[in-house]
Amino acid sequence: MLEQAEHHFVPIFTSILLPHAFAFCVAQFLLRRHHGKKMEFVQEVSEADSRPRSFSFIVSRVAPMWAIRALSIFSWYASTPSLDYMYLNFLAQQYSSGPLVDCSSQMGSASCSRAVADLMQLKIVKGFAQPVIQFCAGPALGAISDAFGRRPAILCLRFLLLLPTVAAAAVTWFDLSIWVEFAVQFVGMIPYNPVPLAWYMDRIDHTPSLVMANSMVESSGILISILGTLFGSTLGLKQAMLCGMLGNLGCLLLAVFCLPESLPEEKRVKFTWSNLLPTAALRVLFASPLIEKITAISVLESFHYIGFYTVAAQFLQQRLAWSRRETYENDMLAQVSEMLWLTLGTAALWPLLGQVGIIAASTVAAGVSGLALMLSTERWQ
């Protein structure tokens, strides 16, 4: 009985209770440490400068990158939920001596269930590699964009993000080994947000307008992710992988033909090889209280996302025989819930709970949700 309790409780404690409790404690520490401090970069602005510029002006400045991001999000959510099942189909053949097994709809089979454990090991390798690659490649990509312009860096970024989707499409359409995609996927782990964000800042160069532009891009991204998930749920495995490749190819072509350069020559920094090293990035991460908070949040978010959701995916696939279609449906419900909480939920709870209350309530809610997920015994739960 003790072994059974340990078998069920340890994964729940390590993947749900511990990270949520740790995240809340760190958030409280940062709030108390920097409470009452005035940010050193805040400047007094006139009333006219404090208002965002017109909607048409903002759209005209960010439209090319907005289109690239929208297409990228759509294709990512249409194809990525199918990626696990591409791996599972290949790995399941090692445990099946009969006809080919399609884990997209036969997750209850013994071969697919055993393949989930193998897939978990591959995800662990990816989980260790991703932060190392991003830590090394991020500063280098930023140095290149500061020295040679944002456009060359974004073109390089879009090309690297295209390669894993080409490999995934080739694996499914030409029956290649999954190790082709597994090897190529590491080049797609390069951080993809900082340079586009710098492009937005260069193009607008007005803080209130930048906030409005970012809000428009992110809110539309949630809606597009729902549409992408809905579209992907209607596709087969091969078509989903092809959709991911074509979407990223479209993003690259948009960047080549439509994306203007945003960083003028006079604002560029002279390139030196020392800028490629990540040492400068470490100093930047602790340059101010605000950046310290953002750094802590990013680290905790990555820890939770890579850790818990990897465990949760294995649980759903192995214990509940989660099909590919159910994965899409689950993602769609999560996205709708996220949109509702970001709009109606936050607006209703903020006056009642305040900043600390929102952090506590969201932490408890996420913990309860994750706990209920790991204790569920039926798919509908």
Protein backbone atom coordinates (compact mmCIF):
# COMPACT_ATOMS: atom_id res chain seq x y z
CA MET A 1 0.00 0.00 0.00
CA LEU A 2 2.88 2.35 0.82
CA GLU A 3 4.47 1.67 -2.57
CA GLN A 4 1.16 2.36 -4.33
CA ALA A 5 0.74 5.65 -2.46
CA GLU A 6 4.30 6.64 -3.34
CA HIS A 7 3.73 5.70 -6.99
CA HIS A 8 0.71 8.02 -7.24
CA PHE A 9 1.75 10.85 -4.92
CA VAL A 10 5.36 11.50 -5.98
CA PRO A 11 4.51 12.49 -9.61
CA ILE A 12 1.70 14.73 -8.37
CA PHE A 13 3.92 16.38 -5.76
CA THR A 14 6.89 16.95 -8.09
CA SER A 15 4.92 18.07 -11.15
CA ILE A 16 2.09 20.09 -9.57
CA LEU A 17 2.33 20.99 -5.89
CA LEU A 18 6.05 21.74 -5.65
CA PRO A 19 6.42 24.03 -8.73
CA HIS A 20 3.24 25.99 -7.93
CA ALA A 21 4.23 26.53 -4.31
CA PHE A 22 7.74 27.53 -5.35
CA ALA A 23 6.40 29.93 -8.01
CA PHE A 24 4.12 31.65 -5.50
CA CYS A 25 6.92 32.04 -2.94
CA VAL A 26 9.27 33.56 -5.52
CA ALA A 27 6.57 35.95 -6.73
CA GLN A 28 5.92 37.08 -3.14
CA PHE A 29 9.65 37.53 -2.51
CA LEU A 30 10.08 39.73 -5.58
CA LEU A 31 7.02 41.83 -4.77
CA ARG A 32 8.17 42.46 -1.20
CA ARG A 33 11.79 43.08 -2.18
CA HIS A 34 10.96 45.74 -4.76
CA HIS A 35 7.79 47.11 -3.15
CA GLY A 36 7.71 50.90 -3.25
CA LYS A 37 10.73 51.27 -5.51
CA LYS A 38 10.45 53.63 -8.40
CA MET A 39 11.70 52.30 -11.71
CA GLU A 40 14.71 54.26 -12.84
CA PHE A 41 13.63 54.48 -16.47
CA VAL A 42 10.21 56.06 -15.88
CA GLN A 43 10.06 59.57 -17.31
CA GLU A 44 7.47 62.29 -17.10
CA VAL A 45 5.53 62.64 -20.33
CA SER A 46 2.96 65.09 -21.54
CA GLU A 47 -0.71 64.15 -21.75
CA ALA A 48 -0.53 64.05 -25.55
CA ASP A 49 2.46 61.69 -25.52
CA SER A 50 0.77 59.38 -23.02
CA ARG A 51 -2.02 58.47 -25.44
CA PRO A 52 -1.58 55.77 -28.10
CA ARG A 53 -1.52 56.90 -31.69
CA SER A 54 -4.29 56.05 -34.12
CA PHE A 55 -5.21 52.46 -34.88
CA SER A 56 -4.51 52.93 -38.58
CA PHE A 57 -1.01 54.25 -37.82
CA ILE A 58 -0.18 51.30 -35.57
CA VAL A 59 -1.50 48.76 -38.09
CA SER A 60 0.47 50.35 -40.93
CA ARG A 61 3.67 50.07 -38.90
CA VAL A 62 3.29 46.49 -37.65
CA ALA A 63 1.19 44.83 -40.38
CA PRO A 64 3.97 42.72 -42.02
CA MET A 65 5.18 41.22 -38.74
CA TRP A 66 1.62 40.85 -37.51
CA ALA A 67 0.78 38.78 -40.60
CA ILE A 68 3.90 36.63 -40.12
CA ARG A 69 3.05 35.98 -36.48
CA ALA A 70 -0.60 35.20 -37.28
CA LEU A 71 0.35 32.65 -39.94
CA SER A 72 3.02 31.17 -37.68
CA ILE A 73 0.58 30.72 -34.78
CA PHE A 74 -2.10 29.23 -37.05
CA SER A 75 0.22 26.65 -38.59
CA TRP A 76 1.85 25.82 -35.24
CA TYR A 77 -1.45 25.04 -33.52
CA ALA A 78 -2.73 23.18 -36.57
CA SER A 79 0.26 20.83 -36.68
CA THR A 80 2.04 20.57 -33.32
CA PRO A 81 -0.59 18.44 -31.47
CA SER A 82 -0.05 15.79 -34.17
CA LEU A 83 3.72 15.64 -33.69
CA ASP A 84 3.55 13.28 -30.70
CA TYR A 85 1.49 10.81 -32.70
CA MET A 86 4.01 10.81 -35.54
CA TYR A 87 6.60 9.66 -33.00
CA LEU A 88 4.22 7.20 -31.35
CA ASN A 89 3.34 5.52 -34.66
CA PHE A 90 7.03 4.91 -35.37
CA LEU A 91 7.94 3.78 -31.85
CA ALA A 92 4.90 1.51 -31.54
CA GLN A 93 6.08 -0.61 -34.47
CA GLN A 94 8.92 -1.91 -32.29
CA TYR A 95 6.36 -3.55 -30.01
CA SER A 96 3.93 -4.77 -32.69
CA SER A 97 4.49 -7.83 -34.85
CA GLY A 98 1.19 -7.47 -36.67
CA PRO A 99 -0.16 -4.81 -39.04
CA LEU A 100 0.75 -1.15 -38.70
CA VAL A 101 -0.70 0.52 -35.63
CA ASP A 102 -2.18 4.03 -35.88
CA CYS A 103 -1.79 5.58 -32.44
CA SER A 104 -3.85 8.58 -33.54
CA SER A 105 -6.95 6.49 -32.88
CA GLN A 106 -5.62 3.30 -31.20
CA MET A 107 -3.93 4.63 -28.08
CA GLY A 108 -5.55 1.85 -26.08
CA SER A 109 -3.33 -0.75 -27.76
CA ALA A 110 -0.42 -2.19 -25.78
CA SER A 111 2.18 -1.15 -28.36
CA CYS A 112 1.07 2.51 -28.32
CA SER A 113 0.99 2.54 -24.52
CA ARG A 114 4.57 1.24 -24.37
CA ALA A 115 5.65 3.75 -27.01
CA VAL A 116 4.56 6.61 -24.73
CA ALA A 117 7.36 5.75 -22.29
CA ASP A 118 9.92 5.90 -25.11
CA LEU A 119 8.53 9.24 -26.26
CA MET A 120 8.89 10.54 -22.71
CA GLN A 121 12.63 9.82 -22.82
CA LEU A 122 13.00 11.76 -26.07
CA LYS A 123 11.14 14.70 -24.54
CA ILE A 124 13.51 14.66 -21.58
CA VAL A 125 16.47 14.97 -23.96
CA LYS A 126 14.73 17.83 -25.73
CA GLY A 127 13.89 19.49 -22.41
CA PHE A 128 17.54 19.53 -21.37
CA ALA A 129 18.77 20.73 -24.77
CA GLN A 130 16.29 23.57 -25.31
CA PRO A 131 17.40 25.98 -22.54
CA VAL A 132 21.07 25.42 -23.38
CA ILE A 133 20.49 26.16 -27.07
CA GLN A 134 18.36 29.21 -26.32
CA PHE A 135 20.88 30.58 -23.81
CA CYS A 136 23.73 30.25 -26.32
CA ALA A 137 21.87 31.24 -29.49
CA GLY A 138 19.75 34.09 -28.10
CA PRO A 139 22.56 36.61 -27.42
CA ALA A 140 24.23 35.71 -30.71
CA LEU A 141 21.04 36.36 -32.67
CA GLY A 142 20.53 39.64 -30.80
CA ALA A 143 24.10 40.75 -31.54
CA ILE A 144 23.62 39.99 -35.24
CA SER A 145 20.36 41.96 -35.36
CA ASP A 146 21.94 44.95 -33.57
CA ALA A 147 24.90 44.98 -35.96
CA PHE A 148 23.38 44.06 -39.33
CA GLY A 149 19.70 44.92 -38.88
CA ARG A 150 16.55 43.17 -37.75
CA ARG A 151 15.57 41.86 -41.18
CA PRO A 152 18.59 39.55 -41.73
CA ALA A 153 18.15 38.13 -38.22
CA ILE A 154 14.44 37.51 -38.79
CA LEU A 155 15.12 35.84 -42.15
CA CYS A 156 17.65 33.56 -40.47
CA LEU A 157 15.16 32.87 -37.68
CA ARG A 158 12.31 31.99 -40.05
CA PHE A 159 14.57 29.69 -42.07
CA LEU A 160 15.70 27.80 -38.95
CA LEU A 161 12.09 27.44 -37.77
CA LEU A 162 11.11 26.08 -41.19
CA LEU A 163 13.63 23.21 -41.18
CA PRO A 164 12.02 21.03 -38.44
CA THR A 165 8.60 21.30 -40.11
CA VAL A 166 10.10 20.23 -43.45
CA ALA A 167 11.66 17.23 -41.70
CA ALA A 168 8.36 16.34 -39.99
CA ALA A 169 6.45 16.52 -43.28
CA ALA A 170 9.10 14.37 -44.97
CA VAL A 171 8.89 11.75 -42.21
CA THR A 172 5.11 11.38 -42.53
CA TRP A 173 4.82 11.60 -46.32
CA PHE A 174 7.85 9.50 -47.30
CA ASP A 175 7.92 7.06 -44.35
CA LEU A 176 11.32 8.20 -43.15
CA SER A 177 12.71 7.51 -39.70
CA ILE A 178 11.65 9.86 -36.91
CA TRP A 179 15.34 10.32 -36.09
CA VAL A 180 15.53 12.64 -39.11
CA GLU A 181 13.06 15.04 -37.50
CA PHE A 182 14.54 14.49 -34.04
CA ALA A 183 18.00 15.55 -35.25
CA VAL A 184 16.75 18.58 -37.21
CA GLN A 185 14.41 19.86 -34.48
CA PHE A 186 17.32 21.19 -32.41
CA VAL A 187 17.96 24.01 -34.91
CA GLY A 188 14.36 25.11 -34.39
CA MET A 189 14.88 25.65 -30.65
CA ILE A 190 16.38 29.09 -31.25
CA PRO A 191 14.48 31.84 -29.32
CA TYR A 192 12.00 33.45 -31.70
CA ASN A 193 10.44 36.34 -29.72
CA PRO A 194 13.21 38.89 -28.88
CA VAL A 195 14.13 40.02 -32.41
CA PRO A 196 10.51 40.49 -33.60
CA LEU A 197 9.82 42.44 -30.39
CA ALA A 198 12.82 44.67 -31.15
CA TRP A 199 11.41 45.14 -34.66
CA TYR A 200 8.09 46.36 -33.17
CA MET A 201 9.95 48.78 -30.89
CA ASP A 202 11.98 50.17 -33.79
CA ARG A 203 8.95 50.63 -36.01
CA ILE A 204 6.72 52.35 -33.44
CA ASP A 205 9.17 54.03 -31.02
CA HIS A 206 6.31 55.26 -28.80
CA THR A 207 5.62 53.40 -25.56
CA PRO A 208 1.80 53.79 -25.29
CA SER A 209 1.41 52.83 -28.94
CA LEU A 210 3.78 49.90 -28.46
CA VAL A 211 1.64 48.62 -25.57
CA MET A 212 -1.48 48.87 -27.72
CA ALA A 213 0.25 47.15 -30.65
CA ASN A 214 1.46 44.32 -28.42
CA SER A 215 -2.03 43.91 -26.97
CA MET A 216 -3.54 43.67 -30.45
CA VAL A 217 -0.96 41.14 -31.60
CA GLU A 218 -1.28 38.93 -28.51
CA SER A 219 -5.08 39.03 -28.31
CA SER A 220 -5.43 38.21 -32.00
CA GLY A 221 -2.89 35.43 -31.48
CA ILE A 222 -5.20 33.69 -28.99
CA LEU A 223 -8.10 33.84 -31.45
CA ILE A 224 -5.91 32.57 -34.28
CA SER A 225 -4.63 29.71 -32.11
CA ILE A 226 -8.23 28.57 -31.60
CA LEU A 227 -8.85 28.66 -35.36
CA GLY A 228 -5.60 26.79 -36.02
CA THR A 229 -6.50 24.09 -33.50
CA LEU A 230 -10.00 23.80 -34.98
CA PHE A 231 -8.58 23.48 -38.50
CA GLY A 232 -5.93 20.97 -37.42
CA SER A 233 -8.56 18.74 -35.82
CA THR A 234 -10.14 18.22 -39.26
CA LEU A 235 -6.85 17.09 -40.86
CA GLY A 236 -5.14 13.74 -40.94
CA LEU A 237 -1.64 13.26 -39.57
CA LYS A 238 0.06 13.76 -42.95
CA GLN A 239 -2.02 16.81 -43.80
CA ALA A 240 -1.33 18.38 -40.39
CA MET A 241 2.44 18.03 -40.82
CA LEU A 242 2.18 19.45 -44.34
CA CYS A 243 0.15 22.38 -43.00
CA GLY A 244 2.90 23.14 -40.49
CA MET A 245 5.54 23.15 -43.22
CA LEU A 246 3.51 25.30 -45.64
CA GLY A 247 2.68 27.78 -42.87
CA ASN A 248 6.33 28.26 -41.96
CA LEU A 249 7.27 28.48 -45.64
CA GLY A 250 4.64 31.21 -46.02
CA CYS A 251 6.14 33.06 -43.03
CA LEU A 252 9.58 32.94 -44.64
CA LEU A 253 8.24 34.24 -47.97
CA LEU A 254 6.37 37.06 -46.21
CA ALA A 255 9.60 38.02 -44.44
CA VAL A 256 11.55 37.95 -47.72
CA PHE A 257 9.12 40.00 -49.81
CA CYS A 258 7.11 42.13 -47.35
CA LEU A 259 9.15 42.78 -44.20
CA PRO A 260 10.99 46.14 -44.17
CA GLU A 261 14.15 46.84 -42.21
CA SER A 262 13.41 48.65 -38.95
CA LEU A 263 16.86 49.55 -37.58
CA PRO A 264 18.54 52.53 -39.32
CA GLU A 265 22.25 52.40 -40.10
CA GLU A 266 23.09 55.13 -37.60
CA LYS A 267 21.54 53.17 -34.71
CA ARG A 268 23.39 49.94 -35.36
CA VAL A 269 26.12 48.64 -33.07
CA LYS A 270 29.52 47.66 -34.39
CA PHE A 271 29.81 43.90 -34.55
CA THR A 272 32.42 42.20 -32.36
CA TRP A 273 32.90 38.49 -31.84
CA SER A 274 32.69 38.93 -28.07
CA ASN A 275 29.02 39.94 -28.45
CA LEU A 276 28.24 36.37 -29.50
CA LEU A 277 29.09 35.11 -26.02
CA PRO A 278 26.20 34.82 -23.51
CA THR A 279 28.10 36.57 -20.69
CA ALA A 280 26.62 39.98 -21.53
CA ALA A 281 23.14 38.46 -21.50
CA LEU A 282 23.63 37.32 -17.91
CA ARG A 283 24.41 40.89 -16.80
CA VAL A 284 21.33 42.21 -18.60
CA LEU A 285 19.06 39.73 -16.80
CA PHE A 286 19.83 41.43 -13.47
CA ALA A 287 20.11 45.02 -14.70
CA SER A 288 16.98 46.28 -12.91
CA PRO A 289 14.24 45.06 -10.55
CA LEU A 290 11.75 44.82 -13.43
CA ILE A 291 14.06 42.65 -15.53
CA GLU A 292 14.77 40.48 -12.49
CA LYS A 293 11.05 39.84 -12.15
CA ILE A 294 10.67 39.06 -15.85
CA THR A 295 13.66 36.71 -15.66
CA ALA A 296 12.24 34.86 -12.66
CA ILE A 297 8.81 34.55 -14.28
CA SER A 298 10.34 33.26 -17.53
CA VAL A 299 12.45 30.65 -15.73
CA LEU A 300 9.51 29.42 -13.66
CA GLU A 301 7.19 29.39 -16.67
CA SER A 302 9.67 27.34 -18.69
CA PHE A 303 10.22 24.96 -15.77
CA HIS A 304 6.50 24.45 -15.34
CA TYR A 305 5.64 24.26 -19.04
CA ILE A 306 8.36 21.79 -20.00
CA GLY A 307 8.01 19.75 -16.82
CA PHE A 308 4.35 19.54 -15.97
CA TYR A 309 2.90 19.48 -19.46
CA THR A 310 5.33 16.75 -20.52
CA VAL A 311 4.16 14.63 -17.58
CA ALA A 312 0.52 15.53 -18.26
CA ALA A 313 0.80 14.54 -21.94
CA GLN A 314 2.24 11.16 -20.96
CA PHE A 315 -0.56 10.67 -18.42
CA LEU A 316 -3.28 11.46 -20.95
CA GLN A 317 -1.78 9.25 -23.66
CA GLN A 318 -0.90 6.29 -21.45
CA ARG A 319 -3.55 6.24 -18.72
CA LEU A 320 -6.54 7.66 -20.61
CA ALA A 321 -5.63 6.48 -24.15
CA TRP A 322 -5.87 10.08 -25.39
CA SER A 323 -6.43 10.14 -29.17
CA ARG A 324 -5.07 12.76 -31.55
CA ARG A 325 -8.51 14.29 -32.03
CA GLU A 326 -9.03 14.54 -28.28
CA THR A 327 -5.69 16.34 -28.00
CA TYR A 328 -6.94 19.01 -30.41
CA GLU A 329 -10.27 19.31 -28.59
CA ASN A 330 -8.52 19.64 -25.24
CA ASP A 331 -6.20 22.34 -26.58
CA MET A 332 -9.15 24.24 -28.02
CA LEU A 333 -11.01 24.21 -24.70
CA ALA A 334 -7.86 25.40 -22.91
CA GLN A 335 -7.46 28.30 -25.36
CA VAL A 336 -11.09 29.38 -24.98
CA SER A 337 -10.69 29.22 -21.19
CA GLU A 338 -7.50 31.28 -21.39
CA MET A 339 -9.21 33.95 -23.48
CA LEU A 340 -12.15 34.17 -21.05
CA TRP A 341 -9.90 34.43 -17.99
CA LEU A 342 -7.69 37.08 -19.58
CA THR A 343 -10.72 39.23 -20.41
CA LEU A 344 -13.71 38.64 -18.15
CA GLY A 345 -12.01 36.82 -15.28
CA THR A 346 -9.18 39.25 -14.65
CA ALA A 347 -11.43 42.30 -15.01
CA ALA A 348 -13.88 40.89 -12.44
CA LEU A 349 -11.33 39.64 -9.90
CA TRP A 350 -8.79 42.48 -9.97
CA PRO A 351 -10.91 45.00 -7.96
CA LEU A 352 -11.76 42.29 -5.40
CA LEU A 353 -8.40 40.55 -4.97
CA GLY A 354 -5.74 43.03 -6.05
CA GLN A 355 -2.27 42.16 -7.33
CA VAL A 356 -1.26 39.66 -4.64
CA GLY A 357 -4.73 38.11 -4.62
CA ILE A 358 -4.64 37.53 -8.37
CA ILE A 359 -1.26 35.80 -8.06
CA ALA A 360 -2.50 33.63 -5.19
CA ALA A 361 -5.83 32.80 -6.84
CA SER A 362 -4.28 31.93 -10.19
CA THR A 363 -1.61 29.79 -8.51
CA VAL A 364 -4.20 27.88 -6.48
CA ALA A 365 -6.50 27.50 -9.50
CA ALA A 366 -3.69 26.17 -11.69
CA GLY A 367 -2.61 23.77 -8.94
CA VAL A 368 -6.14 22.46 -8.40
CA SER A 369 -6.65 22.08 -12.15
CA GLY A 370 -3.40 20.15 -12.57
CA LEU A 371 -4.18 17.98 -9.54
CA ALA A 372 -7.65 17.17 -10.86
CA LEU A 373 -6.18 16.33 -14.27
CA MET A 374 -3.67 13.86 -12.81
CA LEU A 375 -6.37 12.21 -10.67
CA SER A 376 -8.93 11.85 -13.47
CA THR A 377 -9.95 8.34 -14.48
CA GLU A 378 -12.27 9.13 -17.39
CA ARG A 379 -11.65 11.11 -20.56
CA TRP A 380 -14.56 13.50 -20.02
CA GLN A 381 -13.11 14.59 -16.68
